[in-house]
Amino acid sequence: MPISKPTRRVDVHGHIDTVRLARVMDLVWEARGAGLVLDLSAATLDEYDLEILLSGLRRVRRGEPVVVISPDPEMPGLVERYEADDFVMVA
């Protein structure tokens, strides 16, 4: 799933709650039309907020590829469980 267009990187830091998740989605919205790398390596979020994030990515990105950077070894399995593995690649 290569990204072959100009790419925007969104770095997320700290704990992501519902309010901060809305801001992340604003940044994702601003990146529409470009490739997206979402760096969560310095962020923490619970599984519920991850589900909301992946759902939001699906709606905003409309299937455009997203690379999610995460050190969490559970992340690939969570992305697959929430059926986002068709457009989200975990690095």
Protein backbone atom coordinates (compact mmCIF):
# COMPACT_ATOMS: atom_id res chain seq x y z
CA MET A 1 0.00 0.00 0.00
CA PRO A 2 2.46 2.69 -1.13
CA ILE A 3 1.68 6.36 -0.79
CA SER A 4 2.61 7.96 -4.09
CA LYS A 5 1.60 11.58 -3.56
CA PRO A 6 2.69 14.48 -1.37
CA THR A 7 2.46 13.29 2.22
CA ARG A 8 1.59 15.02 5.47
CA ARG A 9 2.86 13.77 8.81
CA VAL A 10 0.76 14.29 11.94
CA ASP A 11 2.67 13.77 15.21
CA VAL A 12 0.52 13.05 18.25
CA HIS A 13 1.89 13.34 21.79
CA GLY A 14 0.50 12.55 25.24
CA HIS A 15 -2.74 10.89 26.25
CA ILE A 16 -5.47 11.06 23.62
CA ASP A 17 -8.91 11.52 25.13
CA THR A 18 -12.11 12.44 23.32
CA VAL A 19 -11.29 16.16 23.17
CA ARG A 20 -7.76 15.63 21.86
CA LEU A 21 -9.07 12.99 19.46
CA ALA A 22 -11.27 15.67 17.88
CA ARG A 23 -8.17 17.82 17.30
CA VAL A 24 -6.32 14.88 15.73
CA MET A 25 -9.27 14.36 13.39
CA ASP A 26 -9.14 18.08 12.47
CA LEU A 27 -5.50 17.60 11.45
CA VAL A 28 -6.41 14.47 9.48
CA TRP A 29 -9.16 16.44 7.73
CA GLU A 30 -6.65 19.16 6.80
CA ALA A 31 -4.45 16.46 5.20
CA ARG A 32 -7.17 15.17 2.86
CA GLY A 33 -5.95 14.85 -0.69
CA ALA A 34 -2.41 14.12 0.52
CA GLY A 35 -0.79 10.97 1.81
CA LEU A 36 -0.95 10.68 5.60
CA VAL A 37 1.48 9.41 8.19
CA LEU A 38 -0.03 9.42 11.67
CA ASP A 39 2.73 9.10 14.27
CA LEU A 40 1.33 7.73 17.53
CA SER A 41 4.72 6.66 18.91
CA ALA A 42 4.60 9.35 21.65
CA ALA A 43 0.87 9.01 22.31
CA THR A 44 -1.31 6.83 24.46
CA LEU A 45 -4.96 6.05 23.85
CA ASP A 46 -7.31 3.40 25.09
CA GLU A 47 -8.90 0.86 22.81
CA TYR A 48 -12.24 2.70 22.70
CA ASP A 49 -10.59 5.90 21.47
CA LEU A 50 -8.53 3.89 18.96
CA GLU A 51 -11.75 2.44 17.57
CA ILE A 52 -13.16 5.97 17.21
CA LEU A 53 -9.92 7.13 15.57
CA LEU A 54 -9.96 4.29 13.03
CA SER A 55 -13.63 4.89 12.27
CA GLY A 56 -12.92 8.58 11.75
CA LEU A 57 -9.96 7.80 9.51
CA ARG A 58 -12.19 5.60 7.36
CA ARG A 59 -14.77 8.38 6.92
CA VAL A 60 -12.33 11.25 6.38
CA ARG A 61 -9.75 9.42 4.26
CA ARG A 62 -12.34 7.50 2.18
CA GLY A 63 -9.99 4.59 1.65
CA GLU A 64 -6.86 6.66 0.97
CA PRO A 65 -3.89 4.93 2.59
CA VAL A 66 -2.70 5.91 6.05
CA VAL A 67 0.56 4.85 7.67
CA VAL A 68 0.28 4.68 11.47
CA ILE A 69 3.55 4.67 13.39
CA SER A 70 3.15 2.93 16.72
CA PRO A 71 5.50 0.99 19.00
CA ASP A 72 2.51 -0.90 20.43
CA PRO A 73 2.86 -4.56 19.39
CA GLU A 74 -0.95 -4.88 19.67
CA MET A 75 -1.62 -2.16 17.07
CA PRO A 76 -1.58 -4.34 13.92
CA GLY A 77 -4.05 -6.77 15.51
CA LEU A 78 -6.32 -3.93 16.65
CA VAL A 79 -6.29 -2.37 13.18
CA GLU A 80 -7.27 -5.74 11.74
CA ARG A 81 -9.97 -6.31 14.39
CA TYR A 82 -11.59 -2.97 13.56
CA GLU A 83 -11.40 -3.84 9.85
CA ALA A 84 -9.15 -0.92 8.98
CA ASP A 85 -6.31 -3.03 7.59
CA ASP A 86 -7.49 -2.39 4.02
CA PHE A 87 -6.27 1.23 4.24
CA VAL A 88 -4.13 1.47 7.40
CA MET A 89 -0.58 0.16 7.46
CA VAL A 90 1.19 -0.01 10.83
CA ALA A 91 4.88 0.74 10.95
